[in-house]
N, C-alpha and C. Protein backbone atom coordinates (compact mmCIF):
# COMPACT_ATOMS: atom_id res chain seq x y z
N UNK A 1 0.67 -1.15 0.26
CA UNK A 1 -0.20 -0.12 -0.30
C UNK A 1 0.75 1.31 -0.13
N UNK A 2 0.57 2.24 -1.30
CA UNK A 2 1.40 3.64 -1.07
C UNK A 2 1.41 4.31 0.41
N UNK A 3 2.53 4.67 0.38
CA UNK A 3 2.16 5.32 1.75
C UNK A 3 1.82 7.23 1.33
N UNK A 4 2.32 7.03 -0.02
CA UNK A 4 2.15 9.10 -0.81
C UNK A 4 0.69 9.30 -0.77
N UNK A 5 -0.45 8.02 -0.55
CA UNK A 5 -1.90 8.00 -1.10
C UNK A 5 -2.39 8.41 0.04
N UNK A 6 -3.75 8.62 0.56
CA UNK A 6 -4.48 8.64 1.51
C UNK A 6 -5.22 7.08 1.36
N UNK A 7 -6.41 6.97 2.40
CA UNK A 7 -6.94 5.61 2.06
C UNK A 7 -7.98 5.85 0.63
N UNK A 8 -8.53 7.09 0.91
CA UNK A 8 -10.06 7.68 0.15
C UNK A 8 -9.17 7.78 -1.12
N UNK A 9 -7.74 7.57 -1.77
CA UNK A 9 -7.58 7.56 -3.43
C UNK A 9 -7.34 6.93 -3.93
N UNK A 10 -7.36 5.69 -2.60
CA UNK A 10 -6.66 4.12 -3.22
C UNK A 10 -7.87 3.71 -3.57
N UNK A 11 -7.50 2.68 -5.20
CA UNK A 11 -8.86 2.25 -6.02
C UNK A 11 -8.26 0.89 -5.71
N UNK A 12 -8.86 -0.51 -5.83
CA UNK A 12 -8.42 -1.62 -6.00
C UNK A 12 -8.12 -1.67 -7.70
N UNK A 13 -7.15 -2.11 -7.80
CA UNK A 13 -7.12 -2.88 -8.94
C UNK A 13 -8.71 -2.87 -10.33
N UNK A 14 -8.58 -2.48 -11.53
CA UNK A 14 -9.53 -2.65 -12.25
C UNK A 14 -8.78 -4.34 -12.62
N UNK A 15 -9.99 -5.21 -13.29
CA UNK A 15 -9.30 -6.60 -13.46
C UNK A 15 -8.44 -6.35 -15.02
N UNK A 16 -7.46 -6.99 -15.33
CA UNK A 16 -6.27 -6.77 -16.47
C UNK A 16 -5.24 -5.90 -15.54
N UNK A 17 -5.34 -5.20 -14.82
CA UNK A 17 -3.97 -4.09 -14.30
C UNK A 17 -2.81 -4.56 -14.02
N UNK A 18 -3.17 -5.91 -13.38
CA UNK A 18 -2.03 -6.93 -12.98
C UNK A 18 -1.46 -7.56 -13.99
N UNK A 19 -1.79 -7.83 -15.59
CA UNK A 19 -0.83 -8.28 -16.85
C UNK A 19 -1.01 -6.96 -17.63
N UNK A 20 -1.45 -6.09 -17.02
CA UNK A 20 -1.47 -4.94 -18.59
C UNK A 20 -1.16 -3.76 -17.97
N UNK A 21 0.25 -3.76 -17.86
CA UNK A 21 0.63 -1.96 -17.33
C UNK A 21 -0.20 -0.70 -18.21
N UNK A 22 -0.35 -0.86 -19.58
CA UNK A 22 -1.24 -0.02 -20.11
C UNK A 22 -2.51 0.39 -19.26
N UNK A 23 -3.17 -0.81 -18.89
CA UNK A 23 -4.39 -0.78 -18.22
C UNK A 23 -4.21 0.23 -17.20
N UNK A 24 -3.33 0.16 -16.57
CA UNK A 24 -2.84 0.60 -15.06
C UNK A 24 -2.23 2.08 -15.09
N UNK A 25 -1.66 2.24 -15.99
CA UNK A 25 -1.34 3.15 -16.64
C UNK A 25 -2.57 4.12 -17.21
N UNK A 26 -3.22 3.51 -17.68
CA UNK A 26 -4.67 4.87 -18.27
C UNK A 26 -5.21 5.05 -17.14
N UNK A 27 -5.67 3.87 -16.00
CA UNK A 27 -6.39 3.83 -14.78
C UNK A 27 -6.16 5.01 -13.61
N UNK A 28 -4.28 5.29 -13.92
CA UNK A 28 -4.00 6.36 -12.96
C UNK A 28 -4.42 7.14 -12.74
N UNK A 29 -5.14 7.94 -13.32
CA UNK A 29 -5.50 8.82 -12.92
C UNK A 29 -6.73 9.31 -11.92
N UNK A 30 -7.73 10.15 -11.40
CA UNK A 30 -8.26 10.08 -10.44
C UNK A 30 -9.95 9.95 -11.10
N UNK A 31 -10.62 9.78 -10.67
CA UNK A 31 -12.52 10.06 -11.21
C UNK A 31 -12.67 10.54 -11.72
N UNK A 32 -13.31 10.69 -12.82
CA UNK A 32 -13.87 11.34 -13.57
C UNK A 32 -14.52 12.86 -13.00
N UNK A 33 -14.80 12.40 -11.65
CA UNK A 33 -15.61 13.58 -11.11
C UNK A 33 -14.21 14.49 -10.25
N UNK A 34 -13.41 13.63 -10.08
CA UNK A 34 -12.23 14.50 -8.85
C UNK A 34 -10.82 13.83 -9.86
N UNK A 35 -10.58 14.31 -10.34
CA UNK A 35 -9.37 13.39 -11.20
C UNK A 35 -8.24 14.16 -11.09
N UNK A 36 -7.86 15.12 -10.06
CA UNK A 36 -6.55 15.85 -9.38
C UNK A 36 -6.34 14.67 -8.61
N UNK A 37 -7.18 14.68 -7.89
CA UNK A 37 -7.58 14.02 -6.54
C UNK A 37 -6.50 12.35 -6.52
N UNK A 38 -7.27 11.89 -6.70
CA UNK A 38 -6.77 10.33 -7.15
C UNK A 38 -5.83 10.50 -7.99
N UNK A 39 -4.97 11.21 -8.69
CA UNK A 39 -4.17 11.05 -10.06
C UNK A 39 -2.70 10.17 -9.46
N UNK A 40 -2.76 9.34 -9.67
CA UNK A 40 -1.67 8.20 -9.04
C UNK A 40 0.24 8.81 -9.59
N UNK A 41 -0.15 9.29 -10.50
CA UNK A 41 0.79 10.52 -11.72
C UNK A 41 1.37 11.80 -10.85
N UNK A 42 0.30 12.43 -10.07
CA UNK A 42 0.27 13.94 -9.82
C UNK A 42 1.71 14.47 -9.71
N UNK A 43 2.51 14.17 -9.11
CA UNK A 43 4.27 14.35 -8.77
C UNK A 43 5.33 13.82 -8.95
N UNK A 44 6.29 13.75 -8.74
CA UNK A 44 7.16 12.95 -9.53
C UNK A 44 7.15 11.89 -8.67
N UNK A 45 7.34 12.61 -7.43
CA UNK A 45 7.15 11.35 -6.09
C UNK A 45 6.22 10.34 -6.41
N UNK A 46 5.10 10.60 -6.70
CA UNK A 46 3.55 9.51 -7.02
C UNK A 46 4.30 8.60 -8.39
N UNK A 47 4.60 9.33 -9.24
CA UNK A 47 5.15 8.94 -10.91
C UNK A 47 6.19 7.79 -10.09
N UNK A 48 7.03 8.12 -9.35
CA UNK A 48 8.07 6.96 -9.26
C UNK A 48 7.59 5.79 -8.73
N UNK A 49 6.84 6.36 -7.87
CA UNK A 49 6.66 5.30 -6.95
C UNK A 49 5.77 4.45 -8.05
N UNK A 50 4.30 4.44 -8.67
CA UNK A 50 4.13 3.56 -9.50
C UNK A 50 4.32 3.00 -10.43
N UNK A 51 5.55 3.60 -11.17
CA UNK A 51 6.64 3.16 -11.74
C UNK A 51 7.19 1.66 -10.89
N UNK A 52 7.90 1.85 -10.04
CA UNK A 52 7.96 1.35 -9.04
C UNK A 52 7.61 -0.13 -8.91
N UNK A 53 6.24 0.47 -7.96
CA UNK A 53 4.99 -0.80 -7.80
C UNK A 53 4.98 -1.94 -8.97
N UNK A 54 5.31 -1.39 -10.39
CA UNK A 54 4.86 -2.12 -11.65
C UNK A 54 6.21 -2.73 -12.22
N UNK A 55 6.99 -2.38 -11.35
CA UNK A 55 8.11 -3.02 -12.30
C UNK A 55 8.48 -2.72 -13.21
N UNK A 56 8.31 -1.06 -13.33
CA UNK A 56 8.86 -0.63 -14.69
C UNK A 56 10.23 0.04 -14.66
N UNK A 57 10.69 0.36 -13.36
CA UNK A 57 12.10 0.86 -13.53
C UNK A 57 12.40 0.55 -11.80
N UNK A 58 13.90 0.55 -12.10
CA UNK A 58 14.56 0.31 -10.55
C UNK A 58 13.87 0.90 -9.24
N UNK A 59 14.15 0.13 -8.00
CA UNK A 59 14.14 1.23 -6.79
C UNK A 59 14.56 2.63 -6.57
N UNK A 60 16.13 2.52 -7.20
CA UNK A 60 16.63 3.74 -6.33
C UNK A 60 16.28 4.94 -7.44
N UNK A 61 15.37 4.58 -8.77
CA UNK A 61 14.97 5.70 -9.39
C UNK A 61 14.44 6.76 -8.73
N UNK A 62 14.40 8.16 -9.22
CA UNK A 62 13.90 9.21 -8.69
C UNK A 62 13.58 10.01 -9.93
N UNK A 63 12.59 10.57 -10.57
CA UNK A 63 11.94 10.88 -11.46
C UNK A 63 11.71 12.15 -11.34
N UNK A 64 12.03 13.19 -12.24
CA UNK A 64 11.78 14.85 -12.46
C UNK A 64 10.57 15.30 -12.86
N UNK A 65 10.37 16.46 -12.47
CA UNK A 65 8.84 17.34 -13.20
C UNK A 65 8.84 16.23 -14.50
N UNK A 66 9.87 17.22 -15.45
CA UNK A 66 9.73 16.31 -16.90
C UNK A 66 9.35 15.57 -17.03
N UNK A 67 9.78 14.19 -16.53
CA UNK A 67 9.60 12.90 -17.03
C UNK A 67 8.38 12.36 -16.49
N UNK A 68 7.63 13.08 -14.85
CA UNK A 68 6.52 12.54 -15.02
C UNK A 68 5.25 12.82 -15.34
N UNK A 69 5.57 14.53 -15.97
CA UNK A 69 4.71 15.06 -16.94
C UNK A 69 4.32 14.54 -18.61
N UNK A 70 5.81 13.62 -18.96
CA UNK A 70 6.09 12.36 -19.87
C UNK A 70 4.78 11.42 -20.20
N UNK A 71 5.19 11.24 -18.64
CA UNK A 71 4.15 9.68 -18.13
C UNK A 71 2.71 10.10 -18.28
N UNK A 72 2.78 11.35 -18.17
CA UNK A 72 1.10 11.98 -18.07
C UNK A 72 0.41 12.19 -19.23
N UNK A 73 1.39 12.48 -20.28
CA UNK A 73 0.88 13.03 -21.45
C UNK A 73 0.76 11.74 -21.86
N UNK A 74 1.71 10.60 -21.67
CA UNK A 74 1.56 9.59 -22.71
C UNK A 74 -0.08 8.80 -21.96
N UNK A 75 0.11 9.03 -20.77
CA UNK A 75 -1.43 8.11 -20.40
C UNK A 75 -2.66 8.68 -20.84
N UNK A 76 -2.47 10.17 -21.75
CA UNK A 76 -3.40 10.39 -22.10
C UNK A 76 -4.13 9.88 -23.89
N UNK A 77 -2.51 9.15 -24.62
CA UNK A 77 -2.84 9.12 -25.43
C UNK A 77 -2.85 7.26 -24.98
N UNK A 78 -2.59 6.66 -24.30
CA UNK A 78 -2.85 5.38 -24.31
C UNK A 78 -3.99 5.39 -23.55
N UNK A 79 -5.09 6.07 -22.87
CA UNK A 79 -6.41 6.31 -22.44
C UNK A 79 -7.26 6.55 -24.36
N UNK A 80 -6.48 7.29 -25.06
CA UNK A 80 -7.29 7.61 -26.36
C UNK A 80 -7.25 6.12 -26.93
N UNK A 81 -6.39 5.77 -27.06
CA UNK A 81 -6.33 4.16 -28.16
C UNK A 81 -7.16 2.97 -27.83
N UNK A 82 -6.91 2.80 -25.98
CA UNK A 82 -7.63 1.62 -25.57
C UNK A 82 -9.27 2.30 -25.48
N UNK A 83 -9.40 3.56 -25.49
CA UNK A 83 -11.12 4.03 -25.47
C UNK A 83 -11.20 3.82 -27.06
N UNK A 84 -11.13 3.51 -28.33
CA UNK A 84 -10.89 3.79 -29.49
C UNK A 84 -11.24 1.59 -29.72
N UNK A 85 -10.20 1.10 -28.99
CA UNK A 85 -10.40 -0.50 -29.18
C UNK A 85 -11.45 -0.48 -28.06
N UNK A 86 -11.95 -0.05 -27.28
CA UNK A 86 -12.71 -0.68 -26.41
C UNK A 86 -14.67 -0.31 -27.28
N UNK A 87 -14.83 0.59 -28.29
CA UNK A 87 -15.47 1.03 -28.59
C UNK A 87 -15.49 0.76 -29.97
N UNK A 88 -14.79 0.37 -30.85
CA UNK A 88 -14.88 -0.08 -31.93
C UNK A 88 -14.93 1.13 -32.53
N UNK A 89 -14.20 2.23 -32.45
CA UNK A 89 -14.22 3.50 -33.38
C UNK A 89 -12.69 3.79 -33.49
N UNK A 90 -12.24 4.63 -34.41
CA UNK A 90 -11.15 4.91 -35.36
C UNK A 90 -10.16 5.84 -34.46
N UNK A 91 -9.51 5.42 -33.98
CA UNK A 91 -8.41 6.21 -33.20
C UNK A 91 -7.99 7.24 -33.98
N UNK A 92 -7.15 8.50 -32.84
CA UNK A 92 -6.54 9.30 -33.27
C UNK A 92 -5.27 8.97 -33.87
N UNK A 93 -4.74 9.00 -35.14
CA UNK A 93 -3.85 9.11 -36.12
C UNK A 93 -2.41 9.18 -35.12
N UNK A 94 -2.35 10.98 -34.29
CA UNK A 94 -1.09 11.18 -33.92
C UNK A 94 -1.07 10.56 -32.72
N UNK A 95 -2.53 9.59 -31.97
CA UNK A 95 -2.07 8.60 -31.03
C UNK A 95 -1.29 7.14 -30.97
N UNK A 96 -1.53 7.10 -32.06
CA UNK A 96 -1.16 5.46 -32.80
C UNK A 96 0.38 6.36 -32.84
N UNK A 97 0.77 6.82 -33.28
CA UNK A 97 2.00 7.48 -34.13
C UNK A 97 3.12 8.01 -33.01
N UNK A 98 2.54 8.11 -31.47
CA UNK A 98 2.87 8.31 -30.36
C UNK A 98 3.00 6.78 -29.61
N UNK A 99 2.11 5.72 -29.59
CA UNK A 99 2.93 4.19 -29.18
C UNK A 99 3.51 3.84 -29.90
N UNK A 100 3.42 3.51 -31.41
CA UNK A 100 5.11 2.99 -32.57
C UNK A 100 5.59 4.19 -32.09
N UNK A 101 5.79 5.42 -31.31
CA UNK A 101 7.49 5.97 -31.38
C UNK A 101 7.87 5.69 -30.20
N UNK A 102 7.20 5.36 -29.30
CA UNK A 102 7.36 5.08 -27.90
C UNK A 102 8.01 3.66 -27.64
N UNK A 103 7.66 2.68 -28.40
CA UNK A 103 8.46 1.52 -28.64
C UNK A 103 9.70 1.29 -29.06
N UNK A 104 9.76 2.51 -30.20
CA UNK A 104 11.21 2.30 -30.48
C UNK A 104 12.53 3.22 -30.12
N UNK A 105 11.51 4.22 -29.35
CA UNK A 105 12.83 4.60 -28.40
C UNK A 105 13.80 3.74 -27.44
N UNK A 106 13.61 3.00 -27.39
CA UNK A 106 14.54 2.32 -26.38
C UNK A 106 14.53 0.46 -26.77
N UNK A 107 15.96 0.10 -26.86
CA UNK A 107 15.81 -1.17 -27.72
C UNK A 107 15.64 -1.84 -26.36
N UNK A 108 14.68 -3.13 -26.65
CA UNK A 108 14.23 -4.25 -25.50
C UNK A 108 15.00 -4.93 -25.28
N UNK A 109 15.98 -5.44 -24.51
CA UNK A 109 16.78 -6.11 -24.09
C UNK A 109 16.41 -6.81 -21.97
N UNK A 110 15.85 -8.13 -22.43
CA UNK A 110 15.54 -8.52 -21.32
C UNK A 110 16.72 -9.50 -20.54
N UNK A 111 17.49 -8.93 -19.52
CA UNK A 111 18.44 -10.29 -18.87
C UNK A 111 17.95 -11.52 -17.95
N UNK A 112 18.76 -12.63 -17.49
CA UNK A 112 18.34 -13.03 -16.76
C UNK A 112 18.65 -13.01 -15.40
N UNK A 113 17.99 -12.70 -14.21
CA UNK A 113 17.92 -11.90 -13.25
C UNK A 113 17.51 -13.30 -11.74
N UNK A 114 18.35 -13.11 -10.64
CA UNK A 114 17.52 -13.83 -9.69
C UNK A 114 18.09 -13.14 -8.02
N UNK A 115 16.96 -13.58 -7.37
CA UNK A 115 17.04 -12.57 -6.29
C UNK A 115 16.35 -13.83 -5.38
N UNK A 116 16.53 -13.53 -3.91
CA UNK A 116 16.09 -14.51 -3.05
C UNK A 116 14.66 -14.22 -2.62
N UNK A 117 14.15 -13.71 -2.97
CA UNK A 117 12.42 -12.57 -3.14
C UNK A 117 11.83 -13.44 -4.13
N UNK A 118 12.43 -13.29 -5.29
CA UNK A 118 11.27 -13.24 -6.50
C UNK A 118 12.20 -14.91 -7.55
N UNK A 119 13.18 -15.23 -7.06
CA UNK A 119 14.05 -16.51 -7.69
C UNK A 119 14.41 -16.49 -9.11
N UNK A 120 14.13 -16.73 -10.40
CA UNK A 120 14.84 -16.45 -11.32
C UNK A 120 13.24 -15.41 -12.20
N UNK A 121 13.63 -14.22 -13.00
CA UNK A 121 12.84 -13.43 -13.49
C UNK A 121 13.82 -12.77 -14.71
N UNK A 122 12.92 -12.13 -15.56
CA UNK A 122 13.54 -11.47 -16.32
C UNK A 122 14.13 -9.79 -16.17
N UNK A 123 15.10 -9.65 -16.08
CA UNK A 123 15.13 -8.04 -16.09
C UNK A 123 15.35 -7.08 -16.97
N UNK A 124 14.86 -5.78 -17.22
CA UNK A 124 14.84 -5.04 -18.30
C UNK A 124 16.12 -4.10 -18.09
N UNK A 125 17.50 -4.35 -19.23
CA UNK A 125 18.51 -3.41 -19.06
C UNK A 125 18.21 -2.40 -19.47
N UNK A 126 18.62 -1.06 -18.92
CA UNK A 126 18.23 0.14 -19.04
C UNK A 126 19.31 1.12 -19.07
N UNK A 127 19.95 2.12 -19.50
CA UNK A 127 20.35 3.31 -18.73
C UNK A 127 19.26 3.85 -17.64
N UNK A 128 19.76 4.23 -16.36
CA UNK A 128 19.36 4.74 -15.18
C UNK A 128 18.97 6.17 -16.12
N UNK A 129 19.46 7.05 -16.84
CA UNK A 129 19.05 8.14 -17.27
C UNK A 129 17.86 8.08 -18.56
N UNK A 130 17.59 6.95 -18.44
CA UNK A 130 16.01 6.55 -19.67
C UNK A 130 15.02 5.59 -19.04
N UNK A 131 15.18 6.22 -17.54
CA UNK A 131 14.26 5.48 -16.98
C UNK A 131 12.60 5.45 -17.65
N UNK A 132 11.92 6.46 -17.67
CA UNK A 132 10.85 6.92 -18.13
C UNK A 132 10.68 6.38 -19.61
N UNK A 133 12.09 6.54 -20.55
CA UNK A 133 11.76 5.56 -21.92
C UNK A 133 11.53 4.64 -21.55
N UNK A 134 12.03 4.08 -21.20
CA UNK A 134 12.31 2.56 -20.73
C UNK A 134 10.55 2.03 -20.38
N UNK A 135 10.15 2.89 -19.04
CA UNK A 135 8.63 2.58 -19.15
C UNK A 135 7.47 2.94 -20.28
N UNK A 136 7.74 4.12 -21.12
CA UNK A 136 7.00 4.43 -22.11
C UNK A 136 6.94 3.15 -22.87
N UNK A 137 8.03 2.57 -23.48
CA UNK A 137 8.45 1.57 -24.72
C UNK A 137 7.94 0.36 -23.94
N UNK A 138 7.79 -0.12 -23.06
CA UNK A 138 7.39 -1.20 -22.16
C UNK A 138 5.65 -1.14 -21.85
N UNK A 139 4.83 -0.01 -21.88
CA UNK A 139 3.83 -0.04 -21.76
C UNK A 139 2.99 0.25 -23.42
N UNK A 140 3.64 1.07 -24.06
CA UNK A 140 3.33 0.75 -25.89
C UNK A 140 3.57 -0.40 -26.34
N UNK A 141 4.80 -1.15 -25.71
CA UNK A 141 4.33 -2.97 -26.49
C UNK A 141 3.12 -3.62 -25.76
N UNK A 142 2.94 -3.01 -24.35
CA UNK A 142 1.63 -3.69 -23.86
C UNK A 142 0.44 -3.45 -24.54
N UNK A 143 0.11 -2.03 -24.63
CA UNK A 143 -0.97 -0.92 -25.92
C UNK A 143 -0.99 -2.94 -27.08
N UNK A 144 0.11 -2.78 -27.79
CA UNK A 144 -0.08 -3.00 -28.80
C UNK A 144 -0.63 -4.67 -28.58
N UNK A 145 -0.18 -5.35 -27.59
CA UNK A 145 -0.49 -6.75 -27.37
C UNK A 145 -1.80 -7.09 -26.97
N UNK A 146 -2.52 -5.84 -26.23
CA UNK A 146 -3.63 -5.94 -25.42
C UNK A 146 -5.03 -5.68 -26.68
N UNK A 147 -3.93 -4.47 -27.39
CA UNK A 147 -5.68 -4.76 -28.31
C UNK A 147 -5.85 -5.53 -29.83
N UNK A 148 -4.13 -5.96 -29.93
CA UNK A 148 -4.71 -7.02 -30.92
C UNK A 148 -4.36 -8.23 -30.73
N UNK A 149 -4.66 -8.75 -29.39
CA UNK A 149 -5.01 -10.31 -28.94
C UNK A 149 -6.01 -10.12 -28.42
N UNK A 150 -6.02 -11.96 -27.91
CA UNK A 150 -7.33 -12.63 -27.57
C UNK A 150 -7.86 -11.10 -26.47
N UNK A 151 -7.37 -10.65 -25.76
CA UNK A 151 -7.90 -9.88 -24.47
C UNK A 151 -8.37 -9.15 -25.24
N UNK A 152 -8.40 -8.27 -26.48
CA UNK A 152 -8.75 -6.96 -26.75
C UNK A 152 -10.45 -7.62 -26.92
N UNK A 153 -11.22 -8.49 -27.10
CA UNK A 153 -12.85 -8.42 -27.23
C UNK A 153 -13.29 -8.23 -25.73
N UNK A 154 -12.21 -8.02 -24.58
CA UNK A 154 -12.81 -8.31 -23.36
C UNK A 154 -12.20 -6.70 -22.62
N UNK A 155 -11.99 -5.95 -23.53
CA UNK A 155 -11.63 -4.62 -22.86
C UNK A 155 -12.51 -3.51 -23.26
N UNK A 156 -13.32 -2.60 -22.03
CA UNK A 156 -14.26 -2.24 -21.80
C UNK A 156 -13.85 -1.62 -21.09
N UNK A 157 -14.84 -0.06 -20.43
CA UNK A 157 -14.61 0.90 -19.38
C UNK A 157 -16.26 0.20 -18.44
N UNK A 158 -15.42 0.95 -17.21
CA UNK A 158 -16.53 0.73 -16.25
C UNK A 158 -17.65 1.55 -16.47
N UNK A 159 -18.82 1.08 -16.03
CA UNK A 159 -19.98 1.69 -16.33
C UNK A 159 -20.64 2.76 -15.37
N UNK A 160 -19.72 2.52 -14.30
CA UNK A 160 -20.16 3.59 -13.17
C UNK A 160 -20.25 5.24 -14.35
N UNK A 161 -20.61 5.25 -13.53
CA UNK A 161 -20.57 7.43 -14.32
C UNK A 161 -19.95 8.47 -14.25
N UNK A 162 -19.22 8.28 -13.22
CA UNK A 162 -18.75 8.92 -12.27
C UNK A 162 -16.97 8.15 -12.48
N UNK A 163 -17.07 7.27 -13.22
CA UNK A 163 -15.73 6.28 -13.03
C UNK A 163 -14.81 6.52 -14.13
N UNK A 164 -14.95 5.65 -15.68
CA UNK A 164 -14.69 5.72 -16.62
C UNK A 164 -13.05 4.90 -16.81
N UNK A 165 -12.47 4.31 -15.88
CA UNK A 165 -11.36 3.13 -16.17
C UNK A 165 -12.29 2.10 -16.80
N UNK A 166 -10.99 1.81 -17.50
CA UNK A 166 -10.79 0.52 -18.12
C UNK A 166 -10.32 -0.88 -17.69
N UNK A 167 -11.03 -1.98 -18.03
CA UNK A 167 -10.77 -2.95 -17.22
C UNK A 167 -10.95 -4.36 -18.53
N UNK A 168 -10.33 -4.86 -18.09
CA UNK A 168 -11.04 -6.82 -18.75
C UNK A 168 -11.97 -7.21 -18.35
N UNK A 169 -13.60 -7.57 -19.20
CA UNK A 169 -14.61 -8.02 -18.58
C UNK A 169 -14.46 -9.65 -18.48
N UNK A 170 -13.92 -9.93 -17.21
CA UNK A 170 -14.04 -11.46 -16.89
C UNK A 170 -15.24 -12.57 -16.97
N UNK A 171 -16.05 -11.55 -17.21
CA UNK A 171 -17.48 -12.01 -17.41
C UNK A 171 -18.64 -11.45 -17.63
N UNK A 172 -19.28 -12.08 -19.06
CA UNK A 172 -20.49 -10.97 -19.59
C UNK A 172 -20.97 -10.29 -18.88
N UNK A 173 -21.42 -10.76 -17.71
CA UNK A 173 -22.10 -9.49 -17.07
C UNK A 173 -21.62 -8.74 -16.10
N UNK A 174 -20.08 -8.75 -16.12
CA UNK A 174 -19.61 -7.51 -15.51
C UNK A 174 -19.73 -6.04 -15.95
N UNK A 175 -20.14 -5.13 -15.11
CA UNK A 175 -19.95 -3.94 -15.75
C UNK A 175 -19.18 -2.98 -14.98
N UNK A 176 -19.05 -3.26 -13.99
CA UNK A 176 -18.06 -2.23 -13.27
C UNK A 176 -16.53 -2.63 -12.90
N UNK A 177 -15.73 -1.64 -12.67
CA UNK A 177 -14.49 -1.98 -12.50
C UNK A 177 -14.08 -2.78 -10.67
N UNK A 178 -14.79 -2.23 -10.13
CA UNK A 178 -15.02 -2.66 -8.34
C UNK A 178 -15.92 -2.86 -8.23
N UNK A 179 -15.90 -3.12 -6.89
CA UNK A 179 -17.65 -3.51 -6.27
C UNK A 179 -17.75 -1.97 -5.19
N UNK A 180 -16.64 -1.26 -5.29
CA UNK A 180 -17.17 0.10 -4.54
C UNK A 180 -17.54 0.70 -5.90
N UNK A 181 -17.43 0.59 -7.33
CA UNK A 181 -18.01 1.41 -7.96
C UNK A 181 -19.71 0.96 -8.19
N UNK A 182 -19.54 -0.35 -8.17
CA UNK A 182 -21.12 -1.20 -7.75
C UNK A 182 -21.87 -0.80 -7.25
N UNK A 183 -21.54 -1.20 -5.83
CA UNK A 183 -22.08 0.09 -4.57
C UNK A 183 -22.57 1.46 -5.38
N UNK A 184 -22.05 1.98 -5.93
CA UNK A 184 -21.88 3.48 -5.91
C UNK A 184 -23.22 3.57 -6.65
N UNK A 185 -22.66 2.89 -7.45
CA UNK A 185 -24.20 3.26 -8.56
C UNK A 185 -25.93 2.57 -8.19
N UNK A 186 -25.44 1.43 -7.09
CA UNK A 186 -26.40 0.77 -6.84
C UNK A 186 -27.25 1.94 -6.41
N UNK A 187 -26.08 2.24 -5.29
CA UNK A 187 -26.78 3.45 -3.79
C UNK A 187 -27.21 4.25 -4.72
N UNK A 188 -26.88 5.66 -5.89
CA UNK A 188 -27.32 6.30 -6.36
C UNK A 188 -29.06 5.73 -7.38
N UNK A 189 -28.99 4.91 -7.87
CA UNK A 189 -30.04 4.05 -8.50
C UNK A 189 -31.14 4.24 -7.20
N UNK A 190 -30.93 3.66 -5.76
CA UNK A 190 -31.57 3.50 -4.80
C UNK A 190 -32.39 4.70 -4.43
N UNK A 191 -31.11 5.60 -4.82
CA UNK A 191 -31.44 7.24 -3.86
C UNK A 191 -32.96 7.95 -4.62
N UNK A 192 -32.22 7.56 -5.74
CA UNK A 192 -33.17 7.76 -6.67
C UNK A 192 -34.69 7.41 -6.86
N UNK A 193 -34.62 6.17 -6.79
CA UNK A 193 -36.13 5.57 -6.86
C UNK A 193 -36.74 6.03 -5.57
N UNK A 194 -36.00 6.16 -4.66
CA UNK A 194 -36.89 7.13 -3.44
C UNK A 194 -36.81 8.46 -3.56
N UNK A 195 -36.59 9.25 -4.22
CA UNK A 195 -36.63 10.68 -4.54
C UNK A 195 -37.63 10.67 -5.92
N UNK A 196 -37.54 9.33 -6.68
CA UNK A 196 -38.63 9.93 -7.95
C UNK A 196 -37.64 10.72 -8.62
N UNK A 197 -36.34 10.51 -8.77
CA UNK A 197 -35.31 11.10 -9.37
C UNK A 197 -34.98 10.02 -10.54
N UNK A 198 -35.19 10.98 -12.21
CA UNK A 198 -34.42 9.52 -12.91
C UNK A 198 -33.44 8.78 -12.44
N UNK A 199 -33.18 7.64 -13.24
CA UNK A 199 -31.90 6.93 -12.94
C UNK A 199 -30.92 7.01 -13.86
N UNK A 200 -29.40 6.83 -12.82
CA UNK A 200 -28.91 7.31 -14.17
C UNK A 200 -28.64 6.05 -15.22
């Protein structure tokens, strides 16, 4: 659990975030009704922490404002492409170009590593000065795999009006990215019914 975020800002991961860093990036902004407060990349410290927690960089990296800004701008691009894939609409050509550019910024080399906690695992080799470029490259490659692979058919957005997070629909009836969103929608519907207001 993050020490930089208050409990109110912590949302459980949406289905698919654990295997797709592109989903995690797309969902790193706050809720649509409060984007600034829950933004996991709002400061360089938060952006650094976010990258470390997703194994997109090594623990001793510290991002500067310029780097965290690049990560936030790339989030907008990823949301554009995932949104187009989820709705079957045409994506912005500049967004596709940005994804492709990010993939080619860093040569992807994975080395075999071992430690006592994780055992054997792959570790990306990159210069510490290129931490953000490496993260963007990995996320861009994941976007490619997500929107062209089998999981593309499961890609959707949370149906809660104030949310907008992306997720993989793990079963046909799933509408919300978390029980929190589902509870919020059900509570709003119950309140609307009780007060005879239109349902959302």
